[in-house]
Amino acid sequence: MSATDSTDSIEIGEDIEVEVVLDGNDEIIGAVVDDLLVATGPDGTIVDEKIDILDADGAIVIEDEIIDVYDADGELIAETEIVTAIE
């Protein structure tokens, strides 16, 4: 197949959501960033979701990354989760 054959194409999409966390006085105490990356091709799909918990200064406190791999039929064939606490 040639490089321009549509059966070789890979589609990539990304969605990023940010939610600010406030205390009882409406002061910012942190944020949650959810970054979802999806790559789909003829052989399957890879989904990489990274959730970062940030403190009031914007520094990452905890990072949780989940990577799912699906075959061409949409069946989950592998999943990995890595949680990292940043000190």
Protein backbone atom coordinates (compact mmCIF):
# COMPACT_ATOMS: atom_id res chain seq x y z
CA MET A 1 0.00 0.00 0.00
CA SER A 2 1.17 3.50 -0.72
CA ALA A 3 1.64 6.24 1.87
CA THR A 4 -1.45 7.98 0.51
CA ASP A 5 -3.72 4.93 0.75
CA SER A 6 -6.63 5.83 3.04
CA THR A 7 -6.45 2.43 4.78
CA ASP A 8 -3.04 3.49 6.18
CA SER A 9 -4.29 6.73 7.68
CA ILE A 10 -4.11 7.46 11.39
CA GLU A 11 -6.44 9.96 13.00
CA ILE A 12 -5.31 11.77 16.14
CA GLY A 13 -7.49 13.85 18.44
CA GLU A 14 -6.86 15.61 21.72
CA ASP A 15 -9.17 17.11 24.33
CA ILE A 16 -7.93 19.08 27.33
CA GLU A 17 -10.17 20.13 30.22
CA VAL A 18 -9.09 22.27 33.18
CA GLU A 19 -11.11 22.62 36.37
CA VAL A 20 -10.07 25.15 38.99
CA VAL A 21 -10.53 24.06 42.63
CA LEU A 22 -11.68 26.73 45.07
CA ASP A 23 -11.88 26.75 48.87
CA GLY A 24 -14.87 28.01 50.88
CA ASN A 25 -13.74 31.61 50.37
CA ASP A 26 -13.51 31.21 46.58
CA GLU A 27 -9.70 31.28 46.71
CA ILE A 28 -7.86 29.06 44.22
CA ILE A 29 -6.29 26.09 45.98
CA GLY A 30 -5.47 24.01 42.93
CA ALA A 31 -6.60 22.66 39.61
CA VAL A 32 -7.28 19.40 37.79
CA VAL A 33 -6.09 19.03 34.20
CA ASP A 34 -7.50 16.14 32.15
CA ASP A 35 -5.61 15.60 28.86
CA LEU A 36 -7.10 12.92 26.57
CA LEU A 37 -5.20 11.85 23.44
CA VAL A 38 -6.69 9.31 21.01
CA ALA A 39 -4.92 7.82 17.99
CA THR A 40 -6.95 5.55 15.69
CA GLY A 41 -5.74 3.58 12.70
CA PRO A 42 -6.70 0.48 10.74
CA ASP A 43 -5.16 -1.86 13.32
CA GLY A 44 -6.78 -0.31 16.40
CA THR A 45 -6.81 2.60 18.81
CA ILE A 46 -4.56 3.93 21.56
CA VAL A 47 -6.11 6.12 24.27
CA ASP A 48 -3.74 8.04 26.55
CA GLU A 49 -5.40 9.95 29.39
CA LYS A 50 -3.27 12.01 31.74
CA ILE A 51 -4.80 13.64 34.81
CA ASP A 52 -2.64 16.19 36.64
CA ILE A 53 -3.49 17.57 40.08
CA LEU A 54 -1.91 21.00 40.55
CA ASP A 55 -1.43 23.06 43.71
CA ALA A 56 -2.30 26.76 44.03
CA ASP A 57 1.07 27.70 42.49
CA GLY A 58 0.48 25.55 39.41
CA ALA A 59 2.99 22.84 40.35
CA ILE A 60 2.01 19.24 39.62
CA VAL A 61 1.36 17.32 42.84
CA ILE A 62 0.00 14.05 41.40
CA GLU A 63 0.00 12.70 37.86
CA ASP A 64 -2.19 9.76 36.84
CA GLU A 65 -1.72 8.35 33.34
CA ILE A 66 -3.86 5.58 31.86
CA ILE A 67 -3.01 4.06 28.49
CA ASP A 68 -5.52 1.74 26.81
CA VAL A 69 -4.87 -0.22 23.60
CA TYR A 70 -7.77 -1.53 21.53
CA ASP A 71 -7.62 -3.86 18.53
CA ALA A 72 -9.36 -3.19 15.20
CA ASP A 73 -12.59 -4.70 16.58
CA GLY A 74 -12.64 -2.30 19.55
CA GLU A 75 -11.68 -4.96 22.10
CA LEU A 76 -9.41 -3.82 24.94
CA ILE A 77 -6.12 -5.73 24.63
CA ALA A 78 -3.87 -3.84 27.07
CA GLU A 79 -4.15 -1.26 29.82
CA THR A 80 -1.49 0.45 31.91
CA GLU A 81 -1.89 2.96 34.74
CA ILE A 82 0.95 4.95 36.24
CA VAL A 83 0.37 7.19 39.26
CA THR A 84 3.21 9.50 40.24
CA ALA A 85 3.32 11.68 43.34
CA ILE A 86 5.57 14.70 42.80
CA GLU A 87 7.41 15.93 45.88
